[in-house]
Amino acid sequence: MSKWDFWPFGPGYEGGFWYSVSKFALVGVFLLIIVGYLRFLFGPKGIFREDSKRYTQKKKKK
């Protein structure tokens, strides 16, 4: 038994239909986690979101 026997991202579709669907679902879950984390950081009221007041003040001065 190799240490890579249980790695789900091997080449081909020899595992069957549901095995392939589960691989796509796992990748989708990873992408959703990444998108959620980025939304937490840069979304509305995010930690790294810039303050929009800086841009509106420039517009009023002109």
N, C-alpha and C. Protein backbone atom coordinates (compact mmCIF):
# COMPACT_ATOMS: atom_id res chain seq x y z
N MET A 1 0.85 -1.18 0.00
CA MET A 1 0.00 0.00 0.00
C MET A 1 0.90 1.24 0.00
N SER A 2 0.63 2.12 -0.92
CA SER A 2 1.38 3.35 -1.06
C SER A 2 0.74 4.44 -0.20
N LYS A 3 1.53 5.46 0.11
CA LYS A 3 0.97 6.56 0.90
C LYS A 3 0.02 7.41 0.06
N TRP A 4 -0.01 7.23 -1.27
CA TRP A 4 -0.88 8.01 -2.14
C TRP A 4 -2.16 7.26 -2.52
N ASP A 5 -2.43 6.12 -1.91
CA ASP A 5 -3.61 5.33 -2.27
C ASP A 5 -4.92 6.06 -1.98
N PHE A 6 -4.96 6.91 -0.99
CA PHE A 6 -6.20 7.58 -0.61
C PHE A 6 -6.25 9.03 -1.07
N TRP A 7 -5.31 9.45 -1.91
CA TRP A 7 -5.32 10.80 -2.45
C TRP A 7 -6.44 10.90 -3.48
N PRO A 8 -7.40 11.82 -3.32
CA PRO A 8 -8.58 11.83 -4.18
C PRO A 8 -8.38 12.47 -5.55
N PHE A 9 -7.23 13.07 -5.84
CA PHE A 9 -7.07 13.82 -7.07
C PHE A 9 -6.17 13.13 -8.07
N GLY A 10 -6.35 11.85 -8.24
CA GLY A 10 -5.58 11.11 -9.22
C GLY A 10 -6.11 11.34 -10.63
N PRO A 11 -5.36 10.96 -11.65
CA PRO A 11 -5.83 11.16 -13.03
C PRO A 11 -6.91 10.15 -13.41
N GLY A 12 -7.79 10.58 -14.27
CA GLY A 12 -8.80 9.67 -14.80
C GLY A 12 -10.07 9.60 -13.98
N TYR A 13 -11.01 8.82 -14.50
CA TYR A 13 -12.33 8.68 -13.87
C TYR A 13 -12.63 7.22 -13.55
N GLU A 14 -11.61 6.44 -13.19
CA GLU A 14 -11.81 5.01 -12.97
C GLU A 14 -12.59 4.71 -11.69
N GLY A 15 -12.80 5.69 -10.84
CA GLY A 15 -13.53 5.46 -9.59
C GLY A 15 -15.03 5.42 -9.77
N GLY A 16 -15.53 5.83 -10.91
CA GLY A 16 -16.97 5.86 -11.12
C GLY A 16 -17.52 7.27 -11.09
N PHE A 17 -18.81 7.35 -11.39
CA PHE A 17 -19.47 8.65 -11.50
C PHE A 17 -19.50 9.38 -10.16
N TRP A 18 -19.94 8.73 -9.10
CA TRP A 18 -20.09 9.41 -7.81
C TRP A 18 -18.74 9.78 -7.20
N TYR A 19 -17.73 9.00 -7.50
CA TYR A 19 -16.39 9.34 -7.03
C TYR A 19 -15.90 10.62 -7.71
N SER A 20 -16.18 10.75 -9.00
CA SER A 20 -15.80 11.96 -9.73
C SER A 20 -16.59 13.17 -9.23
N VAL A 21 -17.88 12.98 -8.98
CA VAL A 21 -18.71 14.07 -8.47
C VAL A 21 -18.21 14.52 -7.10
N SER A 22 -17.80 13.56 -6.27
CA SER A 22 -17.31 13.94 -4.94
C SER A 22 -15.99 14.71 -5.03
N LYS A 23 -15.15 14.41 -6.02
CA LYS A 23 -13.92 15.19 -6.19
C LYS A 23 -14.24 16.62 -6.59
N PHE A 24 -15.20 16.79 -7.52
CA PHE A 24 -15.60 18.15 -7.90
C PHE A 24 -16.23 18.89 -6.73
N ALA A 25 -17.00 18.18 -5.92
CA ALA A 25 -17.63 18.82 -4.75
C ALA A 25 -16.58 19.25 -3.74
N LEU A 26 -15.55 18.44 -3.55
CA LEU A 26 -14.49 18.80 -2.62
C LEU A 26 -13.74 20.05 -3.09
N VAL A 27 -13.46 20.12 -4.37
CA VAL A 27 -12.81 21.32 -4.93
C VAL A 27 -13.73 22.53 -4.77
N GLY A 28 -15.03 22.35 -4.98
CA GLY A 28 -15.99 23.44 -4.79
C GLY A 28 -16.03 23.93 -3.36
N VAL A 29 -15.95 23.02 -2.41
CA VAL A 29 -15.93 23.41 -1.00
C VAL A 29 -14.68 24.22 -0.69
N PHE A 30 -13.54 23.79 -1.21
CA PHE A 30 -12.31 24.56 -1.00
C PHE A 30 -12.43 25.96 -1.58
N LEU A 31 -12.99 26.08 -2.77
CA LEU A 31 -13.16 27.40 -3.38
C LEU A 31 -14.13 28.28 -2.58
N LEU A 32 -15.20 27.68 -2.08
CA LEU A 32 -16.14 28.46 -1.26
C LEU A 32 -15.49 28.95 0.03
N ILE A 33 -14.62 28.14 0.62
CA ILE A 33 -13.91 28.57 1.82
C ILE A 33 -13.00 29.75 1.50
N ILE A 34 -12.31 29.68 0.37
CA ILE A 34 -11.41 30.78 -0.01
C ILE A 34 -12.20 32.05 -0.29
N VAL A 35 -13.32 31.94 -1.02
CA VAL A 35 -14.15 33.10 -1.32
C VAL A 35 -14.72 33.71 -0.04
N GLY A 36 -15.17 32.87 0.88
CA GLY A 36 -15.69 33.38 2.15
C GLY A 36 -14.64 34.09 2.96
N TYR A 37 -13.43 33.56 2.96
CA TYR A 37 -12.34 34.20 3.69
C TYR A 37 -11.98 35.55 3.08
N LEU A 38 -11.94 35.62 1.76
CA LEU A 38 -11.65 36.90 1.10
C LEU A 38 -12.77 37.91 1.32
N ARG A 39 -14.00 37.44 1.35
CA ARG A 39 -15.11 38.35 1.63
C ARG A 39 -15.03 38.87 3.06
N PHE A 40 -14.61 38.02 3.98
CA PHE A 40 -14.43 38.45 5.37
C PHE A 40 -13.34 39.52 5.46
N LEU A 41 -12.28 39.36 4.69
CA LEU A 41 -11.17 40.31 4.76
C LEU A 41 -11.45 41.60 4.01
N PHE A 42 -12.02 41.51 2.79
CA PHE A 42 -12.15 42.68 1.92
C PHE A 42 -13.59 43.07 1.61
N GLY A 43 -14.56 42.39 2.14
CA GLY A 43 -15.96 42.66 1.84
C GLY A 43 -16.49 43.84 2.63
N PRO A 44 -17.80 43.99 2.67
CA PRO A 44 -18.40 45.07 3.46
C PRO A 44 -18.00 44.94 4.93
N LYS A 45 -17.50 46.00 5.49
CA LYS A 45 -17.00 46.04 6.86
C LYS A 45 -15.85 45.07 7.07
N GLY A 46 -15.10 44.81 6.02
CA GLY A 46 -13.96 43.90 6.11
C GLY A 46 -12.79 44.52 6.83
N ILE A 47 -11.89 43.69 7.26
CA ILE A 47 -10.73 44.15 8.02
C ILE A 47 -9.82 45.02 7.16
N PHE A 48 -9.60 44.64 5.91
CA PHE A 48 -8.66 45.35 5.05
C PHE A 48 -9.34 46.25 4.03
N ARG A 49 -10.61 46.52 4.20
CA ARG A 49 -11.32 47.38 3.25
C ARG A 49 -10.93 48.84 3.52
N GLU A 50 -10.67 49.56 2.43
CA GLU A 50 -10.32 50.98 2.58
C GLU A 50 -11.57 51.79 2.87
N ASP A 51 -11.37 52.91 3.52
CA ASP A 51 -12.48 53.79 3.86
C ASP A 51 -12.90 54.57 2.62
N SER A 52 -14.18 54.55 2.30
CA SER A 52 -14.65 55.23 1.09
C SER A 52 -14.78 56.74 1.29
N LYS A 53 -14.67 57.22 2.51
CA LYS A 53 -14.77 58.66 2.76
C LYS A 53 -13.64 59.42 2.08
N ARG A 54 -12.50 58.77 1.95
CA ARG A 54 -11.36 59.41 1.31
C ARG A 54 -11.68 59.77 -0.14
N TYR A 55 -12.41 58.92 -0.82
CA TYR A 55 -12.74 59.17 -2.21
C TYR A 55 -13.85 60.18 -2.37
N THR A 56 -14.80 60.22 -1.46
CA THR A 56 -15.89 61.18 -1.57
C THR A 56 -15.40 62.58 -1.23
N GLN A 57 -14.42 62.72 -0.35
CA GLN A 57 -13.90 64.04 -0.02
C GLN A 57 -13.17 64.65 -1.21
N LYS A 58 -12.46 63.86 -1.98
CA LYS A 58 -11.78 64.37 -3.17
C LYS A 58 -12.79 64.88 -4.18
N LYS A 59 -13.90 64.20 -4.31
CA LYS A 59 -14.91 64.59 -5.27
C LYS A 59 -15.57 65.92 -4.87
N LYS A 60 -15.78 66.14 -3.59
CA LYS A 60 -16.42 67.35 -3.12
C LYS A 60 -15.50 68.57 -3.30
N LYS A 61 -14.19 68.39 -3.20
CA LYS A 61 -13.25 69.50 -3.33
C LYS A 61 -13.21 70.06 -4.73
N LYS A 62 -13.47 69.23 -5.73
CA LYS A 62 -13.37 69.68 -7.13
C LYS A 62 -14.51 70.53 -7.54
